[in-house]
All heavy atoms as atom14 arrays in JSON, in Angstrom:
{
  "sequence": "LAEPETYPQALDTYLHEHRARLERLWRRYGPGGMFSGKLVLIDLP",
  "atom14_mask": [
    [1, 1, 1, 1, 1, 1, 1, 1, 0, 0, 0, 0, 0, 0],
    [1, 1, 1, 1, 1, 0, 0, 0, 0, 0, 0, 0, 0, 0],
    [1, 1, 1, 1, 1, 1, 1, 1, 1, 0, 0, 0, 0, 0],
    [1, 1, 1, 1, 1, 1, 1, 0, 0, 0, 0, 0, 0, 0],
    [1, 1, 1, 1, 1, 1, 1, 1, 1, 0, 0, 0, 0, 0],
    [1, 1, 1, 1, 1, 1, 1, 0, 0, 0, 0, 0, 0, 0],
    [1, 1, 1, 1, 1, 1, 1, 1, 1, 1, 1, 1, 0, 0],
    [1, 1, 1, 1, 1, 1, 1, 0, 0, 0, 0, 0, 0, 0],
    [1, 1, 1, 1, 1, 1, 1, 1, 1, 0, 0, 0, 0, 0],
    [1, 1, 1, 1, 1, 0, 0, 0, 0, 0, 0, 0, 0, 0],
    [1, 1, 1, 1, 1, 1, 1, 1, 0, 0, 0, 0, 0, 0],
    [1, 1, 1, 1, 1, 1, 1, 1, 0, 0, 0, 0, 0, 0],
    [1, 1, 1, 1, 1, 1, 1, 0, 0, 0, 0, 0, 0, 0],
    [1, 1, 1, 1, 1, 1, 1, 1, 1, 1, 1, 1, 0, 0],
    [1, 1, 1, 1, 1, 1, 1, 1, 0, 0, 0, 0, 0, 0],
    [1, 1, 1, 1, 1, 1, 1, 1, 1, 1, 0, 0, 0, 0],
    [1, 1, 1, 1, 1, 1, 1, 1, 1, 0, 0, 0, 0, 0],
    [1, 1, 1, 1, 1, 1, 1, 1, 1, 1, 0, 0, 0, 0],
    [1, 1, 1, 1, 1, 1, 1, 1, 1, 1, 1, 0, 0, 0],
    [1, 1, 1, 1, 1, 0, 0, 0, 0, 0, 0, 0, 0, 0],
    [1, 1, 1, 1, 1, 1, 1, 1, 1, 1, 1, 0, 0, 0],
    [1, 1, 1, 1, 1, 1, 1, 1, 0, 0, 0, 0, 0, 0],
    [1, 1, 1, 1, 1, 1, 1, 1, 1, 0, 0, 0, 0, 0],
    [1, 1, 1, 1, 1, 1, 1, 1, 1, 1, 1, 0, 0, 0],
    [1, 1, 1, 1, 1, 1, 1, 1, 0, 0, 0, 0, 0, 0],
    [1, 1, 1, 1, 1, 1, 1, 1, 1, 1, 1, 1, 1, 1],
    [1, 1, 1, 1, 1, 1, 1, 1, 1, 1, 1, 0, 0, 0],
    [1, 1, 1, 1, 1, 1, 1, 1, 1, 1, 1, 0, 0, 0],
    [1, 1, 1, 1, 1, 1, 1, 1, 1, 1, 1, 1, 0, 0],
    [1, 1, 1, 1, 0, 0, 0, 0, 0, 0, 0, 0, 0, 0],
    [1, 1, 1, 1, 1, 1, 1, 0, 0, 0, 0, 0, 0, 0],
    [1, 1, 1, 1, 0, 0, 0, 0, 0, 0, 0, 0, 0, 0],
    [1, 1, 1, 1, 0, 0, 0, 0, 0, 0, 0, 0, 0, 0],
    [1, 1, 1, 1, 1, 1, 1, 1, 0, 0, 0, 0, 0, 0],
    [1, 1, 1, 1, 1, 1, 1, 1, 1, 1, 1, 0, 0, 0],
    [1, 1, 1, 1, 1, 1, 0, 0, 0, 0, 0, 0, 0, 0],
    [1, 1, 1, 1, 0, 0, 0, 0, 0, 0, 0, 0, 0, 0],
    [1, 1, 1, 1, 1, 1, 1, 1, 1, 0, 0, 0, 0, 0],
    [1, 1, 1, 1, 1, 1, 1, 1, 0, 0, 0, 0, 0, 0],
    [1, 1, 1, 1, 1, 1, 1, 0, 0, 0, 0, 0, 0, 0],
    [1, 1, 1, 1, 1, 1, 1, 1, 0, 0, 0, 0, 0, 0],
    [1, 1, 1, 1, 1, 1, 1, 1, 0, 0, 0, 0, 0, 0],
    [1, 1, 1, 1, 1, 1, 1, 1, 0, 0, 0, 0, 0, 0],
    [1, 1, 1, 1, 1, 1, 1, 1, 0, 0, 0, 0, 0, 0],
    [1, 1, 1, 1, 1, 1, 1, 0, 0, 0, 0, 0, 0, 0]
  ],
  "atom14_positions": [
    [[154.64, -131.12, 98.11], [154.47, -129.69, 98.22], [155.73, -128.86, 97.78], [155.72, -127.79, 97.37], [154.08, -129.28, 99.72], [152.74, -129.77, 100.05], [152.45, -129.52, 101.57], [151.57, -129.25, 99.24], [0.0, 0.0, 0.0], [0.0, 0.0, 0.0], [0.0, 0.0, 0.0], [0.0, 0.0, 0.0], [0.0, 0.0, 0.0], [0.0, 0.0, 0.0]],
    [[156.94, -129.59, 98.01], [158.24, -129.01, 97.67], [158.5, -128.99, 96.21], [159.52, -128.36, 95.71], [159.33, -129.61, 98.44], [0.0, 0.0, 0.0], [0.0, 0.0, 0.0], [0.0, 0.0, 0.0], [0.0, 0.0, 0.0], [0.0, 0.0, 0.0], [0.0, 0.0, 0.0], [0.0, 0.0, 0.0], [0.0, 0.0, 0.0], [0.0, 0.0, 0.0]],
    [[157.73, -129.75, 95.43], [158.13, -129.98, 94.06], [157.38, -129.26, 92.95], [157.69, -129.25, 91.73], [157.93, -131.53, 93.63], [158.83, -132.33, 94.33], [158.55, -133.87, 93.86], [157.56, -134.39, 94.46], [159.27, -134.24, 92.91], [0.0, 0.0, 0.0], [0.0, 0.0, 0.0], [0.0, 0.0, 0.0], [0.0, 0.0, 0.0], [0.0, 0.0, 0.0]],
    [[156.35, -128.54, 93.35], [155.55, -127.83, 92.19], [156.4, -127.04, 91.18], [155.99, -127.09, 90.03], [154.53, -127.03, 92.88], [154.46, -127.42, 94.35], [155.84, -128.11, 94.54], [0.0, 0.0, 0.0], [0.0, 0.0, 0.0], [0.0, 0.0, 0.0], [0.0, 0.0, 0.0], [0.0, 0.0, 0.0], [0.0, 0.0, 0.0], [0.0, 0.0, 0.0]],
    [[157.32, -126.33, 91.67], [158.16, -125.51, 90.77], [159.19, -126.32, 89.88], [159.42, -125.91, 88.79], [158.91, -124.42, 91.61], [158.0, -123.42, 92.33], [157.54, -123.94, 93.57], [158.19, -124.78, 94.3], [156.52, -123.47, 94.06], [0.0, 0.0, 0.0], [0.0, 0.0, 0.0], [0.0, 0.0, 0.0], [0.0, 0.0, 0.0], [0.0, 0.0, 0.0]],
    [[159.54, -127.42, 90.42], [160.5, -128.23, 89.71], [159.91, -129.42, 88.92], [160.66, -129.87, 88.14], [161.7, -128.72, 90.62], [161.0, -129.6, 91.54], [162.42, -127.67, 91.32], [0.0, 0.0, 0.0], [0.0, 0.0, 0.0], [0.0, 0.0, 0.0], [0.0, 0.0, 0.0], [0.0, 0.0, 0.0], [0.0, 0.0, 0.0], [0.0, 0.0, 0.0]],
    [[158.75, -129.8, 89.14], [158.15, -130.88, 88.56], [158.01, -130.8, 86.99], [158.4, -131.73, 86.36], [156.76, -131.21, 89.15], [156.2, -132.44, 88.5], [156.72, -133.74, 88.75], [155.15, -132.36, 87.62], [156.28, -134.87, 88.17], [154.62, -133.57, 87.09], [155.19, -134.76, 87.34], [154.77, -135.95, 86.65], [0.0, 0.0, 0.0], [0.0, 0.0, 0.0]],
    [[157.63, -129.62, 86.45], [157.6, -129.61, 84.95], [158.8, -130.01, 84.39], [158.83, -130.67, 83.34], [157.11, -128.13, 84.81], [156.37, -127.72, 85.94], [157.12, -128.49, 87.15], [0.0, 0.0, 0.0], [0.0, 0.0, 0.0], [0.0, 0.0, 0.0], [0.0, 0.0, 0.0], [0.0, 0.0, 0.0], [0.0, 0.0, 0.0], [0.0, 0.0, 0.0]],
    [[159.99, -129.48, 84.8], [161.35, -129.84, 84.25], [161.64, -131.19, 84.51], [162.14, -131.95, 83.67], [162.41, -128.92, 84.82], [163.76, -129.19, 84.23], [163.74, -129.09, 82.74], [163.15, -127.97, 82.21], [164.42, -129.9, 81.99], [0.0, 0.0, 0.0], [0.0, 0.0, 0.0], [0.0, 0.0, 0.0], [0.0, 0.0, 0.0], [0.0, 0.0, 0.0]],
    [[161.25, -131.75, 85.68], [161.58, -133.08, 86.0], [160.78, -134.14, 85.14], [161.25, -135.04, 84.58], [161.29, -133.46, 87.51], [0.0, 0.0, 0.0], [0.0, 0.0, 0.0], [0.0, 0.0, 0.0], [0.0, 0.0, 0.0], [0.0, 0.0, 0.0], [0.0, 0.0, 0.0], [0.0, 0.0, 0.0], [0.0, 0.0, 0.0], [0.0, 0.0, 0.0]],
    [[159.55, -133.75, 84.86], [158.66, -134.52, 83.99], [159.22, -134.4, 82.61], [159.27, -135.47, 81.79], [157.23, -133.99, 84.04], [156.25, -134.77, 83.02], [156.12, -136.24, 83.3], [154.92, -134.06, 83.15], [0.0, 0.0, 0.0], [0.0, 0.0, 0.0], [0.0, 0.0, 0.0], [0.0, 0.0, 0.0], [0.0, 0.0, 0.0], [0.0, 0.0, 0.0]],
    [[159.58, -133.27, 82.11], [160.21, -133.12, 80.75], [161.45, -134.06, 80.53], [161.57, -134.72, 79.59], [160.51, -131.63, 80.51], [160.97, -131.46, 79.1], [160.16, -131.78, 78.14], [162.06, -130.97, 78.85], [0.0, 0.0, 0.0], [0.0, 0.0, 0.0], [0.0, 0.0, 0.0], [0.0, 0.0, 0.0], [0.0, 0.0, 0.0], [0.0, 0.0, 0.0]],
    [[162.33, -133.95, 81.61], [163.49, -134.81, 81.59], [163.1, -136.32, 81.62], [163.65, -137.04, 80.75], [164.38, -134.53, 82.86], [164.75, -133.13, 82.71], [165.55, -135.47, 82.79], [0.0, 0.0, 0.0], [0.0, 0.0, 0.0], [0.0, 0.0, 0.0], [0.0, 0.0, 0.0], [0.0, 0.0, 0.0], [0.0, 0.0, 0.0], [0.0, 0.0, 0.0]],
    [[162.21, -136.72, 82.3], [161.78, -138.04, 82.41], [161.15, -138.48, 80.96], [161.54, -139.52, 80.4], [160.6, -138.29, 83.46], [160.04, -139.67, 83.56], [160.71, -140.64, 84.34], [159.04, -140.13, 82.87], [160.34, -141.97, 84.52], [158.64, -141.41, 82.9], [159.23, -142.27, 83.69], [158.79, -143.6, 83.74], [0.0, 0.0, 0.0], [0.0, 0.0, 0.0]],
    [[160.42, -137.64, 80.32], [159.83, -137.97, 79.11], [160.81, -138.1, 78.09], [160.78, -139.03, 77.1], [158.78, -136.98, 78.76], [157.47, -136.86, 79.53], [156.58, -135.7, 79.14], [156.73, -138.14, 79.65], [0.0, 0.0, 0.0], [0.0, 0.0, 0.0], [0.0, 0.0, 0.0], [0.0, 0.0, 0.0], [0.0, 0.0, 0.0], [0.0, 0.0, 0.0]],
    [[161.78, -137.33, 78.05], [162.81, -137.36, 77.0], [163.79, -138.63, 77.27], [164.07, -139.33, 76.27], [163.82, -136.12, 77.08], [163.26, -134.93, 76.33], [162.35, -134.13, 76.9], [163.32, -134.48, 75.12], [162.03, -133.2, 76.01], [162.56, -133.42, 74.88], [0.0, 0.0, 0.0], [0.0, 0.0, 0.0], [0.0, 0.0, 0.0], [0.0, 0.0, 0.0]],
    [[164.02, -138.93, 78.61], [164.85, -140.08, 78.84], [164.11, -141.42, 78.61], [164.71, -142.51, 78.32], [165.23, -140.15, 80.29], [166.29, -139.09, 80.65], [166.48, -139.02, 82.24], [165.85, -139.76, 82.98], [167.35, -138.14, 82.6], [0.0, 0.0, 0.0], [0.0, 0.0, 0.0], [0.0, 0.0, 0.0], [0.0, 0.0, 0.0], [0.0, 0.0, 0.0]],
    [[162.78, -141.42, 78.47], [162.03, -142.67, 78.25], [161.21, -142.61, 77.02], [160.2, -143.34, 76.83], [161.07, -142.85, 79.46], [161.8, -143.13, 80.73], [162.18, -142.18, 81.59], [162.14, -144.34, 81.26], [162.88, -142.75, 82.52], [162.79, -143.99, 82.46], [0.0, 0.0, 0.0], [0.0, 0.0, 0.0], [0.0, 0.0, 0.0], [0.0, 0.0, 0.0]],
    [[161.64, -141.73, 76.11], [160.83, -141.54, 74.89], [160.68, -142.84, 74.13], [159.59, -143.19, 73.6], [161.6, -140.59, 73.99], [160.8, -140.3, 72.67], [161.63, -139.35, 71.86], [160.87, -139.26, 70.55], [160.46, -138.03, 69.96], [160.56, -136.98, 70.69], [159.8, -138.14, 68.88], [0.0, 0.0, 0.0], [0.0, 0.0, 0.0], [0.0, 0.0, 0.0]],
    [[161.68, -143.76, 73.95], [161.61, -144.88, 73.17], [160.54, -145.84, 73.87], [159.68, -146.48, 73.19], [162.89, -145.75, 73.13], [0.0, 0.0, 0.0], [0.0, 0.0, 0.0], [0.0, 0.0, 0.0], [0.0, 0.0, 0.0], [0.0, 0.0, 0.0], [0.0, 0.0, 0.0], [0.0, 0.0, 0.0], [0.0, 0.0, 0.0], [0.0, 0.0, 0.0]],
    [[160.54, -145.99, 75.12], [159.52, -146.77, 75.98], [158.09, -146.17, 75.68], [157.2, -146.94, 75.44], [159.84, -146.77, 77.45], [160.99, -147.75, 77.73], [161.12, -147.9, 79.27], [160.03, -148.36, 79.99], [159.8, -148.16, 81.23], [160.68, -147.4, 81.97], [158.79, -148.69, 81.73], [0.0, 0.0, 0.0], [0.0, 0.0, 0.0], [0.0, 0.0, 0.0]],
    [[158.09, -144.94, 75.74], [156.71, -144.23, 75.64], [156.21, -144.54, 74.17], [155.02, -144.82, 73.92], [156.74, -142.73, 75.89], [157.11, -142.34, 77.37], [157.47, -140.92, 77.4], [155.83, -142.64, 78.13], [0.0, 0.0, 0.0], [0.0, 0.0, 0.0], [0.0, 0.0, 0.0], [0.0, 0.0, 0.0], [0.0, 0.0, 0.0], [0.0, 0.0, 0.0]],
    [[157.06, -144.42, 73.19], [156.54, -144.75, 71.85], [156.29, -146.24, 71.66], [155.3, -146.44, 70.88], [157.85, -144.41, 70.86], [158.09, -142.96, 70.73], [159.25, -142.52, 69.85], [160.01, -143.43, 69.54], [159.33, -141.44, 69.52], [0.0, 0.0, 0.0], [0.0, 0.0, 0.0], [0.0, 0.0, 0.0], [0.0, 0.0, 0.0], [0.0, 0.0, 0.0]],
    [[156.94, -147.08, 72.33], [156.57, -148.51, 72.3], [155.09, -148.72, 72.92], [154.31, -149.42, 72.35], [157.59, -149.45, 73.0], [158.75, -149.72, 72.11], [159.77, -150.85, 72.74], [160.31, -150.44, 73.95], [161.44, -149.62, 73.91], [162.19, -149.32, 72.76], [162.02, -149.44, 75.08], [0.0, 0.0, 0.0], [0.0, 0.0, 0.0], [0.0, 0.0, 0.0]],
    [[154.91, -148.02, 73.99], [153.61, -148.12, 74.73], [152.56, -147.6, 73.8], [151.47, -148.22, 73.64], [153.71, -147.32, 76.03], [152.41, -147.24, 76.79], [152.27, -148.55, 77.52], [152.45, -146.1, 77.84], [0.0, 0.0, 0.0], [0.0, 0.0, 0.0], [0.0, 0.0, 0.0], [0.0, 0.0, 0.0], [0.0, 0.0, 0.0], [0.0, 0.0, 0.0]],
    [[152.78, -146.53, 73.09], [151.79, -145.95, 72.2], [151.56, -146.86, 71.0], [150.42, -147.03, 70.47], [152.24, -144.54, 71.72], [151.17, -143.95, 70.89], [151.16, -143.78, 69.55], [149.95, -143.25, 71.39], [149.96, -143.06, 69.15], [149.37, -142.78, 70.21], [149.46, -143.05, 72.67], [148.1, -142.11, 70.36], [148.3, -142.41, 72.74], [147.6, -141.87, 71.63]],
    [[152.65, -147.44, 70.41], [152.48, -148.29, 69.22], [151.66, -149.54, 69.52], [150.81, -149.95, 68.79], [153.9, -148.59, 68.66], [154.5, -147.66, 67.8], [155.56, -148.28, 67.07], [156.56, -148.85, 67.85], [157.69, -148.32, 68.39], [157.89, -146.95, 68.31], [158.5, -149.1, 69.07], [0.0, 0.0, 0.0], [0.0, 0.0, 0.0], [0.0, 0.0, 0.0]],
    [[151.81, -150.02, 70.79], [151.11, -151.3, 71.21], [149.71, -151.08, 71.68], [148.83, -151.78, 71.27], [151.91, -151.95, 72.36], [153.29, -152.41, 71.89], [153.91, -153.25, 72.86], [153.15, -154.71, 72.73], [153.33, -155.6, 73.53], [154.11, -155.38, 74.66], [152.82, -156.79, 73.38], [0.0, 0.0, 0.0], [0.0, 0.0, 0.0], [0.0, 0.0, 0.0]],
    [[149.48, -149.99, 72.38], [148.16, -149.77, 73.1], [147.42, -148.56, 72.48], [146.2, -148.46, 72.84], [148.39, -149.63, 74.56], [149.0, -150.86, 75.08], [150.35, -151.05, 75.48], [148.11, -151.99, 75.34], [150.73, -152.19, 76.04], [148.61, -153.15, 75.9], [150.01, -153.21, 76.22], [150.52, -154.43, 76.74], [0.0, 0.0, 0.0], [0.0, 0.0, 0.0]],
    [[148.04, -147.71, 71.77], [147.38, -146.55, 71.32], [146.6, -146.85, 70.13], [146.37, -148.02, 69.65], [0.0, 0.0, 0.0], [0.0, 0.0, 0.0], [0.0, 0.0, 0.0], [0.0, 0.0, 0.0], [0.0, 0.0, 0.0], [0.0, 0.0, 0.0], [0.0, 0.0, 0.0], [0.0, 0.0, 0.0], [0.0, 0.0, 0.0], [0.0, 0.0, 0.0]],
    [[145.84, -145.93, 69.5], [144.94, -146.09, 68.33], [145.7, -146.76, 67.31], [146.78, -146.5, 66.9], [144.48, -144.7, 67.93], [144.76, -143.82, 69.22], [145.93, -144.5, 69.95], [0.0, 0.0, 0.0], [0.0, 0.0, 0.0], [0.0, 0.0, 0.0], [0.0, 0.0, 0.0], [0.0, 0.0, 0.0], [0.0, 0.0, 0.0], [0.0, 0.0, 0.0]],
    [[145.03, -147.79, 66.8], [145.71, -148.65, 65.74], [146.74, -149.7, 66.14], [147.3, -150.36, 65.38], [0.0, 0.0, 0.0], [0.0, 0.0, 0.0], [0.0, 0.0, 0.0], [0.0, 0.0, 0.0], [0.0, 0.0, 0.0], [0.0, 0.0, 0.0], [0.0, 0.0, 0.0], [0.0, 0.0, 0.0], [0.0, 0.0, 0.0], [0.0, 0.0, 0.0]],
    [[146.99, -149.66, 67.45], [148.02, -150.6, 67.93], [147.45, -152.0, 68.11], [146.26, -152.19, 68.01], [0.0, 0.0, 0.0], [0.0, 0.0, 0.0], [0.0, 0.0, 0.0], [0.0, 0.0, 0.0], [0.0, 0.0, 0.0], [0.0, 0.0, 0.0], [0.0, 0.0, 0.0], [0.0, 0.0, 0.0], [0.0, 0.0, 0.0], [0.0, 0.0, 0.0]],
    [[148.38, -153.01, 68.34], [147.98, -154.39, 68.39], [146.99, -154.6, 69.5], [146.12, -155.38, 69.32], [149.38, -155.14, 68.69], [148.91, -156.71, 68.67], [150.44, -157.58, 69.32], [151.56, -157.29, 67.97], [0.0, 0.0, 0.0], [0.0, 0.0, 0.0], [0.0, 0.0, 0.0], [0.0, 0.0, 0.0], [0.0, 0.0, 0.0], [0.0, 0.0, 0.0]],
    [[147.16, -153.83, 70.61], [146.26, -153.99, 71.71], [145.47, -152.75, 72.02], [145.06, -152.43, 73.07], [147.02, -154.38, 72.94], [147.87, -155.57, 72.82], [149.26, -155.61, 72.7], [147.2, -156.82, 72.74], [149.98, -156.77, 72.54], [147.88, -158.07, 72.58], [149.31, -157.98, 72.46], [0.0, 0.0, 0.0], [0.0, 0.0, 0.0], [0.0, 0.0, 0.0]],
    [[144.99, -152.07, 70.86], [144.23, -150.83, 71.02], [142.99, -151.15, 71.88], [142.35, -152.14, 71.59], [143.88, -150.4, 69.64], [143.15, -149.2, 69.68], [0.0, 0.0, 0.0], [0.0, 0.0, 0.0], [0.0, 0.0, 0.0], [0.0, 0.0, 0.0], [0.0, 0.0, 0.0], [0.0, 0.0, 0.0], [0.0, 0.0, 0.0], [0.0, 0.0, 0.0]],
    [[142.66, -150.28, 72.73], [141.45, -150.41, 73.65], [141.6, -151.12, 74.91], [140.88, -150.98, 75.8], [0.0, 0.0, 0.0], [0.0, 0.0, 0.0], [0.0, 0.0, 0.0], [0.0, 0.0, 0.0], [0.0, 0.0, 0.0], [0.0, 0.0, 0.0], [0.0, 0.0, 0.0], [0.0, 0.0, 0.0], [0.0, 0.0, 0.0], [0.0, 0.0, 0.0]],
    [[142.78, -151.86, 75.04], [143.12, -152.53, 76.34], [143.4, -151.52, 77.49], [143.15, -151.7, 78.61], [144.2, -153.48, 76.13], [144.64, -154.27, 77.32], [145.65, -155.2, 77.24], [145.96, -155.84, 78.51], [147.17, -156.72, 78.51], [0.0, 0.0, 0.0], [0.0, 0.0, 0.0], [0.0, 0.0, 0.0], [0.0, 0.0, 0.0], [0.0, 0.0, 0.0]],
    [[144.1, -150.4, 77.17], [144.41, -149.36, 78.03], [143.73, -148.14, 77.8], [143.95, -147.39, 76.93], [145.96, -149.02, 77.98], [147.03, -150.04, 78.27], [148.38, -149.47, 78.1], [146.81, -150.67, 79.62], [0.0, 0.0, 0.0], [0.0, 0.0, 0.0], [0.0, 0.0, 0.0], [0.0, 0.0, 0.0], [0.0, 0.0, 0.0], [0.0, 0.0, 0.0]],
    [[142.57, -147.93, 78.53], [141.61, -146.87, 78.38], [142.28, -145.48, 78.67], [141.99, -144.48, 78.19], [140.39, -147.01, 79.18], [139.58, -148.1, 78.64], [140.72, -147.12, 80.64], [0.0, 0.0, 0.0], [0.0, 0.0, 0.0], [0.0, 0.0, 0.0], [0.0, 0.0, 0.0], [0.0, 0.0, 0.0], [0.0, 0.0, 0.0], [0.0, 0.0, 0.0]],
    [[143.46, -145.57, 79.56], [144.17, -144.34, 79.98], [145.03, -143.83, 78.92], [145.48, -142.76, 78.96], [144.91, -144.68, 81.28], [143.99, -145.06, 82.48], [144.92, -145.25, 83.67], [142.96, -143.94, 82.8], [0.0, 0.0, 0.0], [0.0, 0.0, 0.0], [0.0, 0.0, 0.0], [0.0, 0.0, 0.0], [0.0, 0.0, 0.0], [0.0, 0.0, 0.0]],
    [[145.37, -144.52, 77.87], [146.35, -144.15, 76.89], [145.95, -142.9, 76.07], [146.6, -142.2, 75.62], [146.76, -145.36, 75.93], [147.95, -145.02, 75.09], [145.55, -145.61, 75.02], [149.25, -145.53, 75.79], [0.0, 0.0, 0.0], [0.0, 0.0, 0.0], [0.0, 0.0, 0.0], [0.0, 0.0, 0.0], [0.0, 0.0, 0.0], [0.0, 0.0, 0.0]],
    [[144.54, -142.82, 76.09], [144.0, -141.71, 75.26], [143.97, -140.34, 75.97], [143.66, -139.33, 75.51], [142.62, -141.93, 74.77], [142.69, -143.13, 73.7], [143.75, -143.21, 72.99], [141.65, -143.84, 73.5], [0.0, 0.0, 0.0], [0.0, 0.0, 0.0], [0.0, 0.0, 0.0], [0.0, 0.0, 0.0], [0.0, 0.0, 0.0], [0.0, 0.0, 0.0]],
    [[144.32, -140.41, 77.35], [144.18, -139.16, 78.2], [145.44, -138.47, 77.98], [146.56, -138.94, 77.88], [144.1, -139.66, 79.66], [142.8, -140.35, 80.0], [142.79, -140.7, 81.52], [141.63, -139.58, 79.67], [0.0, 0.0, 0.0], [0.0, 0.0, 0.0], [0.0, 0.0, 0.0], [0.0, 0.0, 0.0], [0.0, 0.0, 0.0], [0.0, 0.0, 0.0]],
    [[145.3, -137.08, 78.02], [146.48, -136.16, 77.97], [147.51, -136.52, 79.02], [148.68, -136.21, 78.79], [145.95, -134.79, 78.09], [144.48, -134.93, 77.66], [144.01, -136.33, 78.14], [0.0, 0.0, 0.0], [0.0, 0.0, 0.0], [0.0, 0.0, 0.0], [0.0, 0.0, 0.0], [0.0, 0.0, 0.0], [0.0, 0.0, 0.0], [0.0, 0.0, 0.0]]
  ]
}
């Protein structure tokens, strides 16, 4: 309840800090990846 105003910035920071890992996740499990279809949640926004 105390975070709603600060969470968007915290999420943005987290995404920038973990960009390389997120890209690896997408390359492996996203469309066309080696394990495409294994993670059904990868296609969700």
